[in-house]
């Protein structure tokens, strides 16, 4: 909350109380007035739905749909796969405060047949918004693994993803394989840079990440260990639309690919929302219809999402 906003709320409260005092009702009404500072106090020990319902702004509306991790990460064994999970601290803040960065063991969510629609490499100038429009119309939540430089380029689209209850994941800062996979230190630097970019925009840090190109193709044991120590939860996919195939596939190809592969109880589906993926936009309504027909409900990726392998 900015100083200007606090001052504005304090002024409103002062003149309201002054009016009540002169109208002869001040002592009765004042017991019902909650100080503005108290209204927006957030405790990391409780779910965000309980934390921020008092503030009538866009961030409060988004807070109804996500979970804020506790200081010690103790509240992440959840039974609802539809709500994203975020951290209120950056890694640097956790280290400075002496808070844990390593997540405790978390039981994977395996209660219902769940499809996780995931979109990499965005946001962009049009396809991400078009996908968001379809998801809103269909009443479906999805996961967007965003690239830090694109977060800087299209901040309003990132805010929309967050405010509409979808999950944001970290997909590195610039998606440069040569830089990312030159060393473990380079990889962590890229992830923390993307963290900071997202945090500066929405005030939250994702716990979920996806390695560009996938961890199965690029990680060694050293990468796995570094990701774990820093509290990141890495998910690849077990269903691919193949919408990044360079041979010019079209929407029906993506629908057929997903229909052929989606047979498991937990289907993590790879798609892309960046520039050049207009055919993904065209395919999405039918993909959702096919998955529903097969008995899937839709979830967002969180630390409790089962690993795809």
C-alpha atoms as a PDB file:
ATOM      1  CA  UNK A   1       0.000   0.000   0.000  1.00  0.00           C
ATOM      2  CA  UNK A   2       1.504   3.407  -0.999  1.00  0.00           C
ATOM      3  CA  UNK A   3       1.832   6.358   1.396  1.00  0.00           C
ATOM      4  CA  UNK A   4      -0.486   8.356  -0.881  1.00  0.00           C
ATOM      5  CA  UNK A   5      -3.154   5.633  -0.616  1.00  0.00           C
ATOM      6  CA  UNK A   6      -2.815   5.453   3.185  1.00  0.00           C
ATOM      7  CA  UNK A   7      -3.125   9.228   3.385  1.00  0.00           C
ATOM      8  CA  UNK A   8      -6.201   9.251   1.213  1.00  0.00           C
ATOM      9  CA  UNK A   9      -7.923   6.551   3.350  1.00  0.00           C
ATOM     10  CA  UNK A  10      -6.908   8.338   6.533  1.00  0.00           C
ATOM     11  CA  UNK A  11      -8.399  11.588   5.251  1.00  0.00           C
ATOM     12  CA  UNK A  12     -11.671   9.914   4.370  1.00  0.00           C
ATOM     13  CA  UNK A  13     -11.817   8.270   7.786  1.00  0.00           C
ATOM     14  CA  UNK A  14     -11.033  11.557   9.585  1.00  0.00           C
ATOM     15  CA  UNK A  15     -13.746  13.556   7.834  1.00  0.00           C
ATOM     16  CA  UNK A  16     -16.250  10.700   8.232  1.00  0.00           C
ATOM     17  CA  UNK A  17     -15.667  10.619  11.975  1.00  0.00           C
ATOM     18  CA  UNK A  18     -15.830  14.423  12.157  1.00  0.00           C
ATOM     19  CA  UNK A  19     -19.206  14.404  10.418  1.00  0.00           C
ATOM     20  CA  UNK A  20     -20.507  11.670  12.711  1.00  0.00           C
ATOM     21  CA  UNK A  21     -19.317  13.612  15.768  1.00  0.00           C
ATOM     22  CA  UNK A  22     -21.188  16.745  14.789  1.00  0.00           C
ATOM     23  CA  UNK A  23     -24.282  14.765  13.848  1.00  0.00           C
ATOM     24  CA  UNK A  24     -24.429  13.400  17.406  1.00  0.00           C
ATOM     25  CA  UNK A  25     -23.762   9.772  16.416  1.00  0.00           C
ATOM     26  CA  UNK A  26     -19.964   9.626  16.595  1.00  0.00           C
ATOM     27  CA  UNK A  27     -19.610   7.403  19.635  1.00  0.00           C
ATOM     28  CA  UNK A  28     -22.071   4.823  18.312  1.00  0.00           C
ATOM     29  CA  UNK A  29     -20.745   4.690  14.762  1.00  0.00           C
ATOM     30  CA  UNK A  30     -17.062   4.727  15.601  1.00  0.00           C
ATOM     31  CA  UNK A  31     -17.201   1.203  17.016  1.00  0.00           C
ATOM     32  CA  UNK A  32     -18.084  -0.061  13.530  1.00  0.00           C
ATOM     33  CA  UNK A  33     -15.243   1.708  11.723  1.00  0.00           C
ATOM     34  CA  UNK A  34     -12.238  -0.490  10.978  1.00  0.00           C
ATOM     35  CA  UNK A  35      -8.978   1.449  10.593  1.00  0.00           C
ATOM     36  CA  UNK A  36      -7.697   1.343   7.037  1.00  0.00           C
ATOM     37  CA  UNK A  37      -4.348  -0.086   8.083  1.00  0.00           C
ATOM     38  CA  UNK A  38      -6.028  -2.992   9.853  1.00  0.00           C
ATOM     39  CA  UNK A  39      -8.208  -3.816   6.862  1.00  0.00           C
ATOM     40  CA  UNK A  40      -5.294  -4.779   4.661  1.00  0.00           C
ATOM     41  CA  UNK A  41      -3.058  -6.555   7.153  1.00  0.00           C
ATOM     42  CA  UNK A  42      -1.919  -9.797   5.516  1.00  0.00           C
ATOM     43  CA  UNK A  43      -0.712 -12.837   7.435  1.00  0.00           C
ATOM     44  CA  UNK A  44       1.310 -15.336   5.452  1.00  0.00           C
ATOM     45  CA  UNK A  45       0.007 -18.051   7.763  1.00  0.00           C
ATOM     46  CA  UNK A  46      -3.491 -17.992   6.250  1.00  0.00           C
ATOM     47  CA  UNK A  47      -4.942 -18.500   2.779  1.00  0.00           C
ATOM     48  CA  UNK A  48      -5.240 -15.340   0.704  1.00  0.00           C
ATOM     49  CA  UNK A  49      -9.019 -15.736   0.470  1.00  0.00           C
ATOM     50  CA  UNK A  50      -9.277 -14.873   4.138  1.00  0.00           C
ATOM     51  CA  UNK A  51      -6.519 -12.310   4.079  1.00  0.00           C
ATOM     52  CA  UNK A  52      -7.573  -9.669   1.609  1.00  0.00           C
ATOM     53  CA  UNK A  53     -11.338  -9.718   1.243  1.00  0.00           C
ATOM     54  CA  UNK A  54     -11.649  -6.226   2.755  1.00  0.00           C
ATOM     55  CA  UNK A  55      -9.845  -4.288   0.036  1.00  0.00           C
ATOM     56  CA  UNK A  56     -12.142  -3.503  -2.934  1.00  0.00           C
ATOM     57  CA  UNK A  57      -9.481  -3.369  -5.649  1.00  0.00           C
ATOM     58  CA  UNK A  58      -8.238  -5.675  -8.395  1.00  0.00           C
ATOM     59  CA  UNK A  59      -5.564  -7.272  -6.249  1.00  0.00           C
ATOM     60  CA  UNK A  60      -8.143  -8.151  -3.619  1.00  0.00           C
ATOM     61  CA  UNK A  61     -10.343  -9.731  -6.271  1.00  0.00           C
ATOM     62  CA  UNK A  62      -7.383 -11.824  -7.412  1.00  0.00           C
ATOM     63  CA  UNK A  63      -6.580 -12.767  -3.818  1.00  0.00           C
ATOM     64  CA  UNK A  64      -9.877 -14.615  -3.601  1.00  0.00           C
ATOM     65  CA  UNK A  65      -8.440 -17.125  -6.058  1.00  0.00           C
ATOM     66  CA  UNK A  66      -4.917 -17.829  -4.788  1.00  0.00           C
ATOM     67  CA  UNK A  67      -3.108 -19.235  -1.758  1.00  0.00           C
ATOM     68  CA  UNK A  68      -0.254 -17.348  -0.103  1.00  0.00           C
ATOM     69  CA  UNK A  69       2.415 -19.693   1.233  1.00  0.00           C
ATOM     70  CA  UNK A  70       3.058 -19.587   4.964  1.00  0.00           C
ATOM     71  CA  UNK A  71       6.454 -18.364   6.160  1.00  0.00           C
ATOM     72  CA  UNK A  72       7.472 -21.995   6.732  1.00  0.00           C
ATOM     73  CA  UNK A  73       5.528 -23.373   3.720  1.00  0.00           C
ATOM     74  CA  UNK A  74       3.418 -25.461   6.089  1.00  0.00           C
ATOM     75  CA  UNK A  75       0.071 -24.764   4.386  1.00  0.00           C
ATOM     76  CA  UNK A  76       0.737 -26.324   0.976  1.00  0.00           C
ATOM     77  CA  UNK A  77      -0.798 -29.784   1.440  1.00  0.00           C
ATOM     78  CA  UNK A  78      -4.026 -28.759  -0.257  1.00  0.00           C
ATOM     79  CA  UNK A  79      -7.100 -30.563  -1.561  1.00  0.00           C
ATOM     80  CA  UNK A  80      -8.041 -27.989  -4.229  1.00  0.00           C
ATOM     81  CA  UNK A  81      -6.083 -27.944  -7.514  1.00  0.00           C
ATOM     82  CA  UNK A  82      -7.921 -24.893  -8.866  1.00  0.00           C
ATOM     83  CA  UNK A  83      -6.112 -22.182  -6.864  1.00  0.00           C
ATOM     84  CA  UNK A  84      -2.576 -20.960  -7.649  1.00  0.00           C
ATOM     85  CA  UNK A  85       0.043 -20.775  -4.909  1.00  0.00           C
ATOM     86  CA  UNK A  86       2.406 -17.824  -4.523  1.00  0.00           C
ATOM     87  CA  UNK A  87       5.089 -16.695  -2.095  1.00  0.00           C
ATOM     88  CA  UNK A  88       4.881 -13.220  -0.551  1.00  0.00           C
ATOM     89  CA  UNK A  89       8.693 -13.107  -0.346  1.00  0.00           C
ATOM     90  CA  UNK A  90      11.419 -13.157  -2.949  1.00  0.00           C
ATOM     91  CA  UNK A  91      14.258 -15.599  -2.387  1.00  0.00           C
ATOM     92  CA  UNK A  92      16.464 -12.693  -1.338  1.00  0.00           C
ATOM     93  CA  UNK A  93      13.928 -11.642   1.284  1.00  0.00           C
ATOM     94  CA  UNK A  94      13.639 -15.183   2.610  1.00  0.00           C
ATOM     95  CA  UNK A  95      17.395 -15.434   2.986  1.00  0.00           C
ATOM     96  CA  UNK A  96      17.617 -12.045   4.671  1.00  0.00           C
ATOM     97  CA  UNK A  97      14.859 -12.930   7.143  1.00  0.00           C
ATOM     98  CA  UNK A  98      16.269 -16.373   7.891  1.00  0.00           C
ATOM     99  CA  UNK A  99      13.145 -18.059   6.498  1.00  0.00           C
ATOM    100  CA  UNK A 100      13.312 -21.461   4.823  1.00  0.00           C
ATOM    101  CA  UNK A 101      13.721 -21.663   1.072  1.00  0.00           C
ATOM    102  CA  UNK A 102      13.383 -25.447   0.812  1.00  0.00           C
ATOM    103  CA  UNK A 103       9.824 -26.731   0.594  1.00  0.00           C
ATOM    104  CA  UNK A 104       8.750 -29.502   2.975  1.00  0.00           C
ATOM    105  CA  UNK A 105       7.437 -32.803   1.573  1.00  0.00           C
ATOM    106  CA  UNK A 106       4.075 -32.160  -0.098  1.00  0.00           C
ATOM    107  CA  UNK A 107       1.498 -34.819  -0.873  1.00  0.00           C
ATOM    108  CA  UNK A 108       0.698 -34.824  -4.602  1.00  0.00           C
ATOM    109  CA  UNK A 109      -2.898 -34.145  -5.599  1.00  0.00           C
ATOM    110  CA  UNK A 110      -4.314 -37.416  -6.961  1.00  0.00           C
ATOM    111  CA  UNK A 111      -7.970 -37.362  -5.958  1.00  0.00           C
ATOM    112  CA  UNK A 112      -9.623 -36.585  -9.280  1.00  0.00           C
ATOM    113  CA  UNK A 113      -8.863 -36.835 -12.972  1.00  0.00           C
ATOM    114  CA  UNK A 114      -7.293 -33.443 -13.679  1.00  0.00           C
ATOM    115  CA  UNK A 115      -6.037 -31.680 -16.806  1.00  0.00           C
ATOM    116  CA  UNK A 116      -3.521 -28.865 -16.462  1.00  0.00           C
ATOM    117  CA  UNK A 117      -3.509 -26.567 -19.499  1.00  0.00           C
ATOM    118  CA  UNK A 118      -0.097 -24.883 -19.567  1.00  0.00           C
ATOM    119  CA  UNK A 119       1.088 -22.125 -21.897  1.00  0.00           C
ATOM    120  CA  UNK A 120       4.789 -21.295 -22.280  1.00  0.00           C
ATOM    121  CA  UNK A 121       6.805 -18.332 -23.556  1.00  0.00           C
ATOM    122  CA  UNK A 122       4.252 -15.523 -23.175  1.00  0.00           C
ATOM    123  CA  UNK A 123       2.843 -13.108 -22.775  1.00  0.00           C
ATOM    124  CA  UNK A 124       2.652 -11.503 -26.198  1.00  0.00           C
ATOM    125  CA  UNK A 125       0.706  -8.696 -27.845  1.00  0.00           C
ATOM    126  CA  UNK A 126      -2.404 -10.689 -28.852  1.00  0.00           C
ATOM    127  CA  UNK A 127      -2.421 -14.495 -28.468  1.00  0.00           C
ATOM    128  CA  UNK A 128      -2.224 -14.543 -24.677  1.00  0.00           C
ATOM    129  CA  UNK A 129      -5.212 -12.206 -24.392  1.00  0.00           C
ATOM    130  CA  UNK A 130      -7.137 -14.281 -26.934  1.00  0.00           C
ATOM    131  CA  UNK A 131      -6.439 -17.426 -24.891  1.00  0.00           C
ATOM    132  CA  UNK A 132      -7.543 -15.637 -21.724  1.00  0.00           C
ATOM    133  CA  UNK A 133     -10.807 -14.670 -23.438  1.00  0.00           C
ATOM    134  CA  UNK A 134     -11.518 -18.308 -24.322  1.00  0.00           C
ATOM    135  CA  UNK A 135     -10.639 -19.544 -20.835  1.00  0.00           C
ATOM    136  CA  UNK A 136     -12.939 -16.956 -19.311  1.00  0.00           C
ATOM    137  CA  UNK A 137     -15.787 -17.955 -21.619  1.00  0.00           C
ATOM    138  CA  UNK A 138     -15.250 -21.655 -20.829  1.00  0.00           C
ATOM    139  CA  UNK A 139     -14.808 -21.132 -17.080  1.00  0.00           C
ATOM    140  CA  UNK A 140     -11.394 -22.821 -17.102  1.00  0.00           C
ATOM    141  CA  UNK A 141      -8.213 -21.926 -15.194  1.00  0.00           C
ATOM    142  CA  UNK A 142      -4.779 -22.507 -16.713  1.00  0.00           C
ATOM    143  CA  UNK A 143      -1.075 -22.036 -16.006  1.00  0.00           C
ATOM    144  CA  UNK A 144       1.110 -19.515 -17.834  1.00  0.00           C
ATOM    145  CA  UNK A 145       4.877 -20.013 -17.658  1.00  0.00           C
ATOM    146  CA  UNK A 146       6.008 -16.500 -18.509  1.00  0.00           C
ATOM    147  CA  UNK A 147       9.357 -15.160 -19.693  1.00  0.00           C
ATOM    148  CA  UNK A 148      10.672 -12.231 -17.656  1.00  0.00           C
ATOM    149  CA  UNK A 149      11.475  -9.968 -20.578  1.00  0.00           C
ATOM    150  CA  UNK A 150       7.915 -10.465 -21.884  1.00  0.00           C
ATOM    151  CA  UNK A 151       6.529  -9.645 -18.442  1.00  0.00           C
ATOM    152  CA  UNK A 152       8.277  -6.298 -18.750  1.00  0.00           C
ATOM    153  CA  UNK A 153       6.963  -5.812 -22.286  1.00  0.00           C
ATOM    154  CA  UNK A 154       3.308  -6.722 -21.546  1.00  0.00           C
ATOM    155  CA  UNK A 155       2.646  -6.013 -17.867  1.00  0.00           C
ATOM    156  CA  UNK A 156      -1.117  -5.532 -18.248  1.00  0.00           C
ATOM    157  CA  UNK A 157      -1.509  -9.015 -19.698  1.00  0.00           C
ATOM    158  CA  UNK A 158       0.422 -10.478 -16.758  1.00  0.00           C
ATOM    159  CA  UNK A 159      -1.821  -8.585 -14.342  1.00  0.00           C
ATOM    160  CA  UNK A 160      -4.833  -9.983 -16.163  1.00  0.00           C
ATOM    161  CA  UNK A 161      -3.528 -13.570 -15.824  1.00  0.00           C
ATOM    162  CA  UNK A 162      -3.036 -12.992 -12.104  1.00  0.00           C
ATOM    163  CA  UNK A 163      -6.303 -11.141 -11.498  1.00  0.00           C
ATOM    164  CA  UNK A 164      -8.408 -13.726 -13.346  1.00  0.00           C
ATOM    165  CA  UNK A 165      -7.158 -16.547 -11.131  1.00  0.00           C
ATOM    166  CA  UNK A 166      -4.778 -18.341 -13.459  1.00  0.00           C
ATOM    167  CA  UNK A 167      -1.362 -19.495 -12.263  1.00  0.00           C
ATOM    168  CA  UNK A 168       1.832 -17.702 -13.181  1.00  0.00           C
ATOM    169  CA  UNK A 169       5.002 -19.775 -13.435  1.00  0.00           C
ATOM    170  CA  UNK A 170       8.632 -18.781 -13.955  1.00  0.00           C
ATOM    171  CA  UNK A 171      10.043 -19.670 -17.384  1.00  0.00           C
ATOM    172  CA  UNK A 172      13.392 -17.832 -17.022  1.00  0.00           C
ATOM    173  CA  UNK A 173      14.140 -14.215 -17.829  1.00  0.00           C
ATOM    174  CA  UNK A 174      15.144 -14.370 -21.492  1.00  0.00           C
ATOM    175  CA  UNK A 175      14.753 -18.030 -22.609  1.00  0.00           C
ATOM    176  CA  UNK A 176      18.344 -18.082 -23.896  1.00  0.00           C
ATOM    177  CA  UNK A 177      19.524 -21.708 -23.850  1.00  0.00           C
ATOM    178  CA  UNK A 178      23.199 -20.783 -24.217  1.00  0.00           C
ATOM    179  CA  UNK A 179      23.080 -18.558 -21.164  1.00  0.00           C
ATOM    180  CA  UNK A 180      20.722 -20.716 -19.095  1.00  0.00           C
ATOM    181  CA  UNK A 181      22.550 -23.990 -19.475  1.00  0.00           C
ATOM    182  CA  UNK A 182      26.109 -22.691 -19.395  1.00  0.00           C
ATOM    183  CA  UNK A 183      26.129 -23.366 -15.640  1.00  0.00           C
ATOM    184  CA  UNK A 184      23.881 -23.957 -12.655  1.00  0.00           C
ATOM    185  CA  UNK A 185      24.696 -20.467 -11.389  1.00  0.00           C
ATOM    186  CA  UNK A 186      23.562 -18.962 -14.671  1.00  0.00           C
ATOM    187  CA  UNK A 187      20.320 -20.904 -14.497  1.00  0.00           C
ATOM    188  CA  UNK A 188      19.554 -19.721 -10.953  1.00  0.00           C
ATOM    189  CA  UNK A 189      20.446 -16.139 -11.867  1.00  0.00           C
ATOM    190  CA  UNK A 190      17.968 -16.252 -14.763  1.00  0.00           C
ATOM    191  CA  UNK A 191      15.228 -17.663 -12.539  1.00  0.00           C
ATOM    192  CA  UNK A 192      15.779 -15.117  -9.771  1.00  0.00           C
ATOM    193  CA  UNK A 193      15.789 -12.277 -12.321  1.00  0.00           C
ATOM    194  CA  UNK A 194      12.427 -13.474 -13.636  1.00  0.00           C
ATOM    195  CA  UNK A 195      11.184 -13.852 -10.034  1.00  0.00           C
ATOM    196  CA  UNK A 196      12.023 -10.243  -9.279  1.00  0.00           C
ATOM    197  CA  UNK A 197      10.315  -9.047 -12.456  1.00  0.00           C
ATOM    198  CA  UNK A 198       7.087 -10.869 -11.626  1.00  0.00           C
ATOM    199  CA  UNK A 199       7.249  -9.862  -7.956  1.00  0.00           C
ATOM    200  CA  UNK A 200       7.725  -6.191  -8.790  1.00  0.00           C
ATOM    201  CA  UNK A 201       4.567  -6.313 -10.900  1.00  0.00           C
ATOM    202  CA  UNK A 202       2.118  -8.309  -8.754  1.00  0.00           C
ATOM    203  CA  UNK A 203       3.749  -8.416  -5.299  1.00  0.00           C
ATOM    204  CA  UNK A 204       3.993 -12.215  -5.371  1.00  0.00           C
ATOM    205  CA  UNK A 205       6.612 -14.764  -6.445  1.00  0.00           C
ATOM    206  CA  UNK A 206       5.688 -18.014  -8.204  1.00  0.00           C
ATOM    207  CA  UNK A 207       6.964 -21.223  -6.659  1.00  0.00           C
ATOM    208  CA  UNK A 208       6.479 -23.184  -9.883  1.00  0.00           C
ATOM    209  CA  UNK A 209       8.989 -23.124 -12.723  1.00  0.00           C
ATOM    210  CA  UNK A 210       9.481 -24.751 -16.084  1.00  0.00           C
ATOM    211  CA  UNK A 211      12.904 -25.032 -17.647  1.00  0.00           C
ATOM    212  CA  UNK A 212      12.973 -23.792 -21.248  1.00  0.00           C
ATOM    213  CA  UNK A 213      13.153 -26.916 -23.393  1.00  0.00           C
ATOM    214  CA  UNK A 214      12.238 -29.041 -20.362  1.00  0.00           C
ATOM    215  CA  UNK A 215      14.303 -30.382 -17.472  1.00  0.00           C
ATOM    216  CA  UNK A 216      14.443 -33.852 -19.026  1.00  0.00           C
ATOM    217  CA  UNK A 217      16.430 -32.440 -21.941  1.00  0.00           C
ATOM    218  CA  UNK A 218      18.753 -30.101 -20.046  1.00  0.00           C
ATOM    219  CA  UNK A 219      19.094 -30.846 -16.336  1.00  0.00           C
ATOM    220  CA  UNK A 220      21.882 -32.712 -14.623  1.00  0.00           C
ATOM    221  CA  UNK A 221      21.764 -33.779 -10.968  1.00  0.00           C
ATOM    222  CA  UNK A 222      23.391 -30.455 -10.065  1.00  0.00           C
ATOM    223  CA  UNK A 223      20.492 -28.511 -11.607  1.00  0.00           C
ATOM    224  CA  UNK A 224      17.940 -30.663  -9.805  1.00  0.00           C
ATOM    225  CA  UNK A 225      19.686 -30.101  -6.472  1.00  0.00           C
ATOM    226  CA  UNK A 226      19.944 -26.332  -6.979  1.00  0.00           C
ATOM    227  CA  UNK A 227      16.266 -26.049  -7.905  1.00  0.00           C
ATOM    228  CA  UNK A 228      15.262 -27.963  -4.777  1.00  0.00           C
ATOM    229  CA  UNK A 229      17.499 -25.962  -2.421  1.00  0.00           C
ATOM    230  CA  UNK A 230      15.982 -22.736  -3.696  1.00  0.00           C
ATOM    231  CA  UNK A 231      12.392 -23.885  -3.250  1.00  0.00           C
ATOM    232  CA  UNK A 232      11.426 -24.078  -6.895  1.00  0.00           C
ATOM    233  CA  UNK A 233       9.077 -26.828  -8.065  1.00  0.00           C
ATOM    234  CA  UNK A 234       9.855 -27.841 -11.626  1.00  0.00           C
ATOM    235  CA  UNK A 235       7.242 -29.483 -13.867  1.00  0.00           C
ATOM    236  CA  UNK A 236       7.674 -30.679 -17.416  1.00  0.00           C
ATOM    237  CA  UNK A 237       4.674 -32.156 -19.261  1.00  0.00           C
ATOM    238  CA  UNK A 238       3.296 -35.547 -20.252  1.00  0.00           C
ATOM    239  CA  UNK A 239       0.997 -34.383 -23.080  1.00  0.00           C
ATOM    240  CA  UNK A 240       2.294 -32.190 -25.894  1.00  0.00           C
ATOM    241  CA  UNK A 241       0.212 -30.346 -28.439  1.00  0.00           C
ATOM    242  CA  UNK A 242       3.383 -30.055 -30.581  1.00  0.00           C
ATOM    243  CA  UNK A 243       2.342 -26.496 -31.385  1.00  0.00           C
ATOM    244  CA  UNK A 244       6.000 -25.462 -31.623  1.00  0.00           C
ATOM    245  CA  UNK A 245       6.715 -27.951 -34.399  1.00  0.00           C
ATOM    246  CA  UNK A 246       8.526 -26.051 -37.195  1.00  0.00           C
ATOM    247  CA  UNK A 247       6.688 -27.916 -39.963  1.00  0.00           C
ATOM    248  CA  UNK A 248       3.579 -25.736 -39.914  1.00  0.00           C
ATOM    249  CA  UNK A 249       1.023 -27.748 -37.977  1.00  0.00           C
ATOM    250  CA  UNK A 250      -2.524 -26.419 -37.726  1.00  0.00           C
ATOM    251  CA  UNK A 251      -5.196 -26.394 -35.033  1.00  0.00           C
ATOM    252  CA  UNK A 252      -6.589 -29.836 -35.842  1.00  0.00           C
ATOM    253  CA  UNK A 253      -3.120 -31.341 -35.425  1.00  0.00           C
ATOM    254  CA  UNK A 254      -2.946 -30.018 -31.876  1.00  0.00           C
ATOM    255  CA  UNK A 255      -6.421 -31.315 -31.063  1.00  0.00           C
ATOM    256  CA  UNK A 256      -5.523 -34.771 -32.428  1.00  0.00           C
ATOM    257  CA  UNK A 257      -2.197 -34.835 -30.550  1.00  0.00           C
ATOM    258  CA  UNK A 258      -3.822 -34.078 -27.226  1.00  0.00           C
ATOM    259  CA  UNK A 259      -6.746 -36.425 -27.824  1.00  0.00           C
ATOM    260  CA  UNK A 260      -4.308 -39.250 -28.602  1.00  0.00           C
ATOM    261  CA  UNK A 261      -2.053 -38.668 -25.564  1.00  0.00           C
ATOM    262  CA  UNK A 262      -4.453 -37.619 -22.789  1.00  0.00           C
ATOM    263  CA  UNK A 263      -5.213 -40.928 -21.094  1.00  0.00           C
ATOM    264  CA  UNK A 264      -3.643 -40.502 -17.635  1.00  0.00           C
ATOM    265  CA  UNK A 265      -5.315 -39.212 -14.462  1.00  0.00           C
ATOM    266  CA  UNK A 266      -3.030 -36.165 -14.249  1.00  0.00           C
ATOM    267  CA  UNK A 267      -2.465 -34.662 -17.704  1.00  0.00           C
ATOM    268  CA  UNK A 268      -0.010 -31.744 -17.871  1.00  0.00           C
ATOM    269  CA  UNK A 269      -0.514 -30.345 -21.362  1.00  0.00           C
ATOM    270  CA  UNK A 270       2.134 -28.267 -23.141  1.00  0.00           C
ATOM    271  CA  UNK A 271       1.045 -25.392 -25.383  1.00  0.00           C
ATOM    272  CA  UNK A 272       2.374 -21.906 -26.144  1.00  0.00           C
ATOM    273  CA  UNK A 273       0.821 -18.459 -25.960  1.00  0.00           C
ATOM    274  CA  UNK A 274       3.559 -16.404 -27.608  1.00  0.00           C
ATOM    275  CA  UNK A 275       3.597 -14.679 -30.965  1.00  0.00           C
ATOM    276  CA  UNK A 276       3.082 -17.026 -33.919  1.00  0.00           C
ATOM    277  CA  UNK A 277       0.742 -19.415 -32.091  1.00  0.00           C
ATOM    278  CA  UNK A 278      -2.548 -18.328 -33.588  1.00  0.00           C
ATOM    279  CA  UNK A 279      -3.390 -21.958 -34.406  1.00  0.00           C
ATOM    280  CA  UNK A 280      -3.189 -22.767 -30.685  1.00  0.00           C
ATOM    281  CA  UNK A 281      -5.842 -20.126 -30.067  1.00  0.00           C
ATOM    282  CA  UNK A 282      -8.052 -21.704 -32.734  1.00  0.00           C
ATOM    283  CA  UNK A 283      -7.607 -25.186 -31.259  1.00  0.00           C
ATOM    284  CA  UNK A 284      -8.248 -24.309 -27.617  1.00  0.00           C
ATOM    285  CA  UNK A 285     -12.092 -24.478 -27.467  1.00  0.00           C
ATOM    286  CA  UNK A 286     -12.126 -27.951 -29.014  1.00  0.00           C
ATOM    287  CA  UNK A 287      -9.258 -29.116 -26.771  1.00  0.00           C
ATOM    288  CA  UNK A 288     -11.287 -28.091 -23.729  1.00  0.00           C
ATOM    289  CA  UNK A 289     -14.381 -29.855 -25.107  1.00  0.00           C
ATOM    290  CA  UNK A 290     -12.471 -33.098 -25.740  1.00  0.00           C
ATOM    291  CA  UNK A 291     -10.924 -33.113 -22.273  1.00  0.00           C
ATOM    292  CA  UNK A 292     -14.285 -32.486 -20.616  1.00  0.00           C
ATOM    293  CA  UNK A 293     -15.820 -35.286 -22.639  1.00  0.00           C
ATOM    294  CA  UNK A 294     -13.149 -37.615 -21.251  1.00  0.00           C
ATOM    295  CA  UNK A 295     -14.051 -36.711 -17.676  1.00  0.00           C
ATOM    296  CA  UNK A 296     -11.292 -34.261 -16.856  1.00  0.00           C
ATOM    297  CA  UNK A 297     -11.706 -31.272 -14.586  1.00  0.00           C
ATOM    298  CA  UNK A 298      -9.184 -28.442 -14.882  1.00  0.00           C
ATOM    299  CA  UNK A 299      -6.528 -27.416 -12.401  1.00  0.00           C
ATOM    300  CA  UNK A 300      -3.540 -25.088 -12.201  1.00  0.00           C
ATOM    301  CA  UNK A 301      -0.002 -26.236 -11.523  1.00  0.00           C
ATOM    302  CA  UNK A 302       1.087 -25.842  -7.890  1.00  0.00           C
ATOM    303  CA  UNK A 303       3.721 -27.506  -5.684  1.00  0.00           C
ATOM    304  CA  UNK A 304       1.216 -30.331  -5.051  1.00  0.00           C
ATOM    305  CA  UNK A 305       0.699 -31.124  -8.759  1.00  0.00           C
ATOM    306  CA  UNK A 306       1.978 -34.656  -9.470  1.00  0.00           C
ATOM    307  CA  UNK A 307       5.131 -34.869 -11.516  1.00  0.00           C
ATOM    308  CA  UNK A 308       4.424 -35.935 -15.110  1.00  0.00           C
ATOM    309  CA  UNK A 309       6.921 -38.830 -15.204  1.00  0.00           C
END
